Amino acid sequence: MADSAHSTLPLPDYDHLPIGSLESRVRSLSGDEVERLLSYERSHADRPAVTRLLGARLDQLHAGAEPTSGDPNALRPEAGQGAQGGSPVSPATSPEPHSPPPHGTPDQPGQPKANRT
């Protein structure tokens, strides 16, 4: 039964979407579609941030907001960047450290502490 509920959701891979992506993608959905997502969310993961987001979008639609044009599947930044995981920061893009760590680095070994007697 959970499979059929999941397969009828208006956003594919809904359960795996980060909240930032979800926020932009629900803007293209109708009120009925947002209500389906909200009902699914409440009966499954019930994540407070997601239920607030979906509830707020539903309120906007009831107040007269229109769904934006576009395909909710079109923007998938997580498919290009996040599919491999990890941070986009690399050694080439990270800043130089201000001072070496106390244990030293390969090119600058640590110095022993002064004699403590």
N, C-alpha and C. Protein backbone atom coordinates (compact mmCIF):
# COMPACT_ATOMS: atom_id res chain seq x y z
N MET A 1 0.83 -1.20 0.00
CA MET A 1 0.00 0.00 0.00
C MET A 1 0.87 1.25 0.00
N ALA A 2 1.97 1.25 0.72
CA ALA A 2 2.87 2.39 0.75
C ALA A 2 3.45 2.65 -0.62
N ASP A 3 3.71 1.55 -1.41
CA ASP A 3 4.25 1.71 -2.75
C ASP A 3 3.27 2.44 -3.65
N SER A 4 1.97 2.10 -3.58
CA SER A 4 0.99 2.77 -4.43
C SER A 4 0.84 4.24 -4.04
N ALA A 5 0.88 4.55 -2.74
CA ALA A 5 0.80 5.94 -2.31
C ALA A 5 2.01 6.73 -2.80
N HIS A 6 3.18 6.10 -2.71
CA HIS A 6 4.41 6.77 -3.14
C HIS A 6 4.43 6.96 -4.65
N SER A 7 3.94 5.98 -5.41
CA SER A 7 3.97 6.06 -6.87
C SER A 7 3.01 7.10 -7.42
N THR A 8 2.01 7.52 -6.64
CA THR A 8 1.06 8.51 -7.13
C THR A 8 1.42 9.94 -6.72
N LEU A 9 2.56 10.11 -6.07
CA LEU A 9 2.97 11.45 -5.65
C LEU A 9 3.34 12.30 -6.86
N PRO A 10 3.05 13.61 -6.81
CA PRO A 10 3.34 14.48 -7.95
C PRO A 10 4.83 14.76 -8.16
N LEU A 11 5.67 14.46 -7.19
CA LEU A 11 7.12 14.65 -7.34
C LEU A 11 7.82 13.31 -7.23
N PRO A 12 8.50 12.89 -8.29
CA PRO A 12 9.24 11.63 -8.19
C PRO A 12 10.38 11.76 -7.18
N ASP A 13 10.71 10.70 -6.54
CA ASP A 13 11.78 10.67 -5.53
C ASP A 13 11.54 11.68 -4.41
N TYR A 14 10.28 11.93 -4.10
CA TYR A 14 9.91 12.91 -3.07
C TYR A 14 10.65 12.66 -1.76
N ASP A 15 10.72 11.41 -1.34
CA ASP A 15 11.33 11.09 -0.05
C ASP A 15 12.82 11.41 0.01
N HIS A 16 13.46 11.55 -1.14
CA HIS A 16 14.90 11.77 -1.17
C HIS A 16 15.28 13.20 -1.53
N LEU A 17 14.29 14.07 -1.70
CA LEU A 17 14.59 15.46 -2.06
C LEU A 17 15.03 16.25 -0.84
N PRO A 18 16.13 17.02 -0.96
CA PRO A 18 16.49 17.91 0.14
C PRO A 18 15.46 19.03 0.24
N ILE A 19 15.28 19.58 1.42
CA ILE A 19 14.23 20.56 1.64
C ILE A 19 14.39 21.80 0.74
N GLY A 20 15.62 22.20 0.44
CA GLY A 20 15.83 23.34 -0.44
C GLY A 20 15.31 23.09 -1.84
N SER A 21 15.51 21.89 -2.34
CA SER A 21 15.00 21.52 -3.66
C SER A 21 13.48 21.37 -3.61
N LEU A 22 12.98 20.82 -2.54
CA LEU A 22 11.54 20.64 -2.38
C LEU A 22 10.83 21.98 -2.39
N GLU A 23 11.41 22.96 -1.73
CA GLU A 23 10.79 24.29 -1.65
C GLU A 23 10.58 24.89 -3.03
N SER A 24 11.56 24.77 -3.91
CA SER A 24 11.41 25.34 -5.24
C SER A 24 10.51 24.49 -6.12
N ARG A 25 10.50 23.20 -5.92
CA ARG A 25 9.74 22.32 -6.79
C ARG A 25 8.24 22.31 -6.49
N VAL A 26 7.84 22.56 -5.24
CA VAL A 26 6.40 22.56 -4.93
C VAL A 26 5.70 23.79 -5.50
N ARG A 27 6.46 24.79 -5.90
CA ARG A 27 5.84 25.99 -6.45
C ARG A 27 5.11 25.73 -7.76
N SER A 28 5.45 24.66 -8.47
CA SER A 28 4.80 24.35 -9.73
C SER A 28 3.57 23.46 -9.56
N LEU A 29 3.29 23.06 -8.32
CA LEU A 29 2.19 22.13 -8.07
C LEU A 29 0.88 22.85 -7.77
N SER A 30 -0.22 22.18 -8.08
CA SER A 30 -1.55 22.71 -7.76
C SER A 30 -1.86 22.47 -6.28
N GLY A 31 -2.93 23.06 -5.82
CA GLY A 31 -3.34 22.87 -4.43
C GLY A 31 -3.61 21.42 -4.10
N ASP A 32 -4.26 20.69 -5.02
CA ASP A 32 -4.54 19.27 -4.78
C ASP A 32 -3.26 18.46 -4.67
N GLU A 33 -2.28 18.79 -5.51
CA GLU A 33 -1.01 18.06 -5.47
C GLU A 33 -0.25 18.34 -4.17
N VAL A 34 -0.28 19.59 -3.72
CA VAL A 34 0.39 19.92 -2.46
C VAL A 34 -0.33 19.23 -1.30
N GLU A 35 -1.66 19.17 -1.36
CA GLU A 35 -2.42 18.47 -0.31
C GLU A 35 -2.06 16.99 -0.28
N ARG A 36 -1.87 16.37 -1.45
CA ARG A 36 -1.46 14.96 -1.49
C ARG A 36 -0.09 14.77 -0.84
N LEU A 37 0.85 15.68 -1.16
CA LEU A 37 2.18 15.59 -0.55
C LEU A 37 2.10 15.77 0.96
N LEU A 38 1.31 16.75 1.40
CA LEU A 38 1.18 17.01 2.82
C LEU A 38 0.57 15.81 3.55
N SER A 39 -0.43 15.21 2.98
CA SER A 39 -1.05 14.02 3.57
C SER A 39 -0.05 12.87 3.64
N TYR A 40 0.70 12.68 2.56
CA TYR A 40 1.72 11.62 2.53
C TYR A 40 2.79 11.88 3.58
N GLU A 41 3.24 13.13 3.67
CA GLU A 41 4.29 13.49 4.63
C GLU A 41 3.83 13.23 6.06
N ARG A 42 2.62 13.64 6.38
CA ARG A 42 2.10 13.46 7.74
C ARG A 42 1.95 11.98 8.10
N SER A 43 1.62 11.14 7.13
CA SER A 43 1.43 9.73 7.44
C SER A 43 2.72 8.91 7.35
N HIS A 44 3.80 9.52 6.89
CA HIS A 44 5.06 8.79 6.76
C HIS A 44 6.13 9.41 7.66
N ALA A 45 6.95 10.28 7.13
CA ALA A 45 8.09 10.81 7.90
C ALA A 45 7.66 11.88 8.89
N ASP A 46 6.65 12.67 8.55
CA ASP A 46 6.13 13.75 9.40
C ASP A 46 7.24 14.68 9.90
N ARG A 47 8.05 15.14 8.95
CA ARG A 47 9.14 16.06 9.27
C ARG A 47 8.56 17.45 9.48
N PRO A 48 8.79 18.06 10.65
CA PRO A 48 8.18 19.36 10.95
C PRO A 48 8.52 20.44 9.92
N ALA A 49 9.75 20.52 9.47
CA ALA A 49 10.13 21.56 8.51
C ALA A 49 9.40 21.36 7.18
N VAL A 50 9.21 20.13 6.78
CA VAL A 50 8.54 19.84 5.51
C VAL A 50 7.04 20.12 5.63
N THR A 51 6.43 19.71 6.74
CA THR A 51 4.99 19.98 6.89
C THR A 51 4.73 21.48 6.98
N ARG A 52 5.63 22.24 7.60
CA ARG A 52 5.48 23.70 7.63
C ARG A 52 5.59 24.28 6.22
N LEU A 53 6.56 23.81 5.47
CA LEU A 53 6.77 24.30 4.11
C LEU A 53 5.56 24.00 3.23
N LEU A 54 5.07 22.76 3.27
CA LEU A 54 3.92 22.39 2.46
C LEU A 54 2.66 23.12 2.93
N GLY A 55 2.48 23.26 4.23
CA GLY A 55 1.33 24.00 4.74
C GLY A 55 1.35 25.46 4.33
N ALA A 56 2.52 26.07 4.37
CA ALA A 56 2.65 27.48 3.96
C ALA A 56 2.34 27.63 2.47
N ARG A 57 2.82 26.69 1.65
CA ARG A 57 2.54 26.76 0.21
C ARG A 57 1.05 26.57 -0.05
N LEU A 58 0.44 25.68 0.69
CA LEU A 58 -1.00 25.46 0.55
C LEU A 58 -1.77 26.72 0.92
N ASP A 59 -1.36 27.39 1.99
CA ASP A 59 -1.98 28.65 2.39
C ASP A 59 -1.84 29.70 1.29
N GLN A 60 -0.65 29.77 0.67
CA GLN A 60 -0.43 30.72 -0.43
C GLN A 60 -1.37 30.43 -1.59
N LEU A 61 -1.52 29.16 -1.92
CA LEU A 61 -2.40 28.80 -3.03
C LEU A 61 -3.86 29.12 -2.71
N HIS A 62 -4.28 28.87 -1.47
CA HIS A 62 -5.66 29.20 -1.06
C HIS A 62 -5.89 30.71 -1.05
N ALA A 63 -4.82 31.47 -0.84
CA ALA A 63 -4.94 32.94 -0.81
C ALA A 63 -4.89 33.54 -2.22
N GLY A 64 -4.74 32.71 -3.24
CA GLY A 64 -4.78 33.21 -4.60
C GLY A 64 -3.49 33.07 -5.39
N ALA A 65 -2.45 32.56 -4.79
CA ALA A 65 -1.20 32.36 -5.54
C ALA A 65 -1.44 31.32 -6.63
N GLU A 66 -0.73 31.48 -7.72
CA GLU A 66 -0.83 30.55 -8.83
C GLU A 66 0.42 29.69 -8.89
N PRO A 67 0.27 28.43 -9.28
CA PRO A 67 1.47 27.61 -9.48
C PRO A 67 2.33 28.22 -10.58
N THR A 68 3.62 28.14 -10.43
CA THR A 68 4.52 28.66 -11.45
C THR A 68 4.59 27.68 -12.60
N SER A 69 5.00 28.18 -13.74
CA SER A 69 5.13 27.28 -14.88
C SER A 69 6.42 26.50 -14.75
N GLY A 70 6.49 25.43 -15.46
CA GLY A 70 7.71 24.63 -15.42
C GLY A 70 7.44 23.23 -14.96
N ASP A 71 8.40 22.40 -15.20
CA ASP A 71 8.32 20.99 -14.85
C ASP A 71 8.96 20.76 -13.50
N PRO A 72 8.24 20.17 -12.54
CA PRO A 72 8.87 19.93 -11.23
C PRO A 72 10.05 18.97 -11.30
N ASN A 73 10.21 18.28 -12.41
CA ASN A 73 11.34 17.35 -12.57
C ASN A 73 12.53 18.02 -13.26
N ALA A 74 12.34 19.22 -13.79
CA ALA A 74 13.37 19.85 -14.60
C ALA A 74 14.61 20.21 -13.80
N LEU A 75 14.44 20.82 -12.66
CA LEU A 75 15.59 21.25 -11.86
C LEU A 75 15.94 20.15 -10.89
N ARG A 76 17.06 19.51 -11.11
CA ARG A 76 17.50 18.45 -10.23
C ARG A 76 18.96 18.65 -9.89
N PRO A 77 19.30 19.71 -9.13
CA PRO A 77 20.70 19.94 -8.83
C PRO A 77 21.34 18.80 -8.07
N GLU A 78 20.52 18.07 -7.30
CA GLU A 78 21.09 16.98 -6.53
C GLU A 78 21.55 15.83 -7.42
N ALA A 79 21.02 15.74 -8.64
CA ALA A 79 21.44 14.68 -9.54
C ALA A 79 22.85 14.92 -10.06
N GLY A 80 23.21 16.17 -10.28
CA GLY A 80 24.53 16.47 -10.81
C GLY A 80 25.59 16.57 -9.73
N GLN A 81 25.31 17.27 -8.67
CA GLN A 81 26.31 17.52 -7.64
C GLN A 81 26.23 16.50 -6.51
N GLY A 82 25.08 16.33 -5.95
CA GLY A 82 24.95 15.53 -4.75
C GLY A 82 24.93 14.04 -4.98
N ALA A 83 24.83 13.60 -6.24
CA ALA A 83 24.76 12.17 -6.50
C ALA A 83 26.02 11.45 -6.02
N GLN A 84 27.15 12.11 -6.11
CA GLN A 84 28.39 11.51 -5.66
C GLN A 84 28.62 11.78 -4.19
N GLY A 85 27.91 12.69 -3.62
CA GLY A 85 28.04 13.01 -2.21
C GLY A 85 29.26 13.87 -1.95
N GLY A 86 29.38 14.29 -0.73
CA GLY A 86 30.55 15.05 -0.35
C GLY A 86 30.38 16.54 -0.55
N SER A 87 31.40 17.24 -0.18
CA SER A 87 31.39 18.69 -0.24
C SER A 87 31.96 19.17 -1.57
N PRO A 88 31.43 20.30 -2.10
CA PRO A 88 32.01 20.84 -3.32
C PRO A 88 33.35 21.52 -3.07
N VAL A 89 33.75 21.64 -1.82
CA VAL A 89 35.03 22.26 -1.49
C VAL A 89 36.14 21.25 -1.74
N SER A 90 37.18 21.70 -2.40
CA SER A 90 38.32 20.83 -2.66
C SER A 90 39.57 21.50 -2.12
N PRO A 91 40.68 20.79 -2.06
CA PRO A 91 41.92 21.43 -1.60
C PRO A 91 42.28 22.66 -2.45
N ALA A 92 41.92 22.64 -3.72
CA ALA A 92 42.24 23.78 -4.59
C ALA A 92 41.39 25.01 -4.25
N THR A 93 40.19 24.81 -3.70
CA THR A 93 39.31 25.94 -3.42
C THR A 93 39.26 26.32 -1.95
N SER A 94 39.90 25.55 -1.09
CA SER A 94 39.87 25.88 0.34
C SER A 94 40.95 26.90 0.67
N PRO A 95 40.71 27.73 1.68
CA PRO A 95 41.70 28.76 2.03
C PRO A 95 42.92 28.17 2.71
N GLU A 96 43.99 28.92 2.69
CA GLU A 96 45.21 28.52 3.38
C GLU A 96 44.99 28.65 4.89
N PRO A 97 45.50 27.71 5.68
CA PRO A 97 45.34 27.85 7.13
C PRO A 97 46.15 29.03 7.64
N HIS A 98 45.67 29.64 8.72
CA HIS A 98 46.35 30.79 9.30
C HIS A 98 47.64 30.39 10.00
N SER A 99 47.62 29.29 10.67
CA SER A 99 48.82 28.79 11.34
C SER A 99 48.76 27.27 11.32
N PRO A 100 49.90 26.61 11.32
CA PRO A 100 49.87 25.15 11.28
C PRO A 100 49.29 24.58 12.56
N PRO A 101 48.73 23.40 12.48
CA PRO A 101 48.22 22.78 13.69
C PRO A 101 49.38 22.47 14.63
N PRO A 102 49.11 22.29 15.92
CA PRO A 102 50.19 22.09 16.89
C PRO A 102 51.03 20.85 16.62
N HIS A 103 50.49 19.89 15.92
CA HIS A 103 51.26 18.68 15.64
C HIS A 103 52.10 18.83 14.37
N GLY A 104 51.98 19.96 13.67
CA GLY A 104 52.78 20.22 12.48
C GLY A 104 52.13 19.68 11.22
N THR A 105 52.75 19.97 10.11
CA THR A 105 52.32 19.48 8.81
C THR A 105 53.52 18.80 8.16
N PRO A 106 53.32 18.05 7.08
CA PRO A 106 54.47 17.37 6.46
C PRO A 106 55.60 18.33 6.07
N ASP A 107 55.26 19.53 5.63
CA ASP A 107 56.31 20.46 5.22
C ASP A 107 56.77 21.37 6.37
N GLN A 108 56.11 21.30 7.50
CA GLN A 108 56.49 22.13 8.64
C GLN A 108 56.23 21.32 9.91
N PRO A 109 57.20 20.54 10.36
CA PRO A 109 56.97 19.69 11.54
C PRO A 109 56.71 20.52 12.80
N GLY A 110 56.00 19.92 13.71
CA GLY A 110 55.70 20.59 14.97
C GLY A 110 56.94 20.80 15.81
N GLN A 111 56.87 21.78 16.65
CA GLN A 111 58.00 22.08 17.52
C GLN A 111 57.66 21.59 18.93
N PRO A 112 58.63 21.00 19.62
CA PRO A 112 58.34 20.56 20.98
C PRO A 112 58.08 21.76 21.90
N LYS A 113 57.28 21.54 22.89
CA LYS A 113 57.00 22.59 23.86
C LYS A 113 58.27 22.88 24.68
N ALA A 114 58.34 24.04 25.25
CA ALA A 114 59.48 24.40 26.07
C ALA A 114 59.59 23.43 27.24
N ASN A 115 60.76 23.31 27.79
CA ASN A 115 61.01 22.40 28.90
C ASN A 115 60.15 22.83 30.09
N ARG A 116 59.33 21.92 30.56
CA ARG A 116 58.42 22.20 31.68
C ARG A 116 58.92 21.43 32.90
N THR A 117 59.54 22.11 33.75
CA THR A 117 60.04 21.43 34.96
C THR A 117 59.31 21.86 36.19
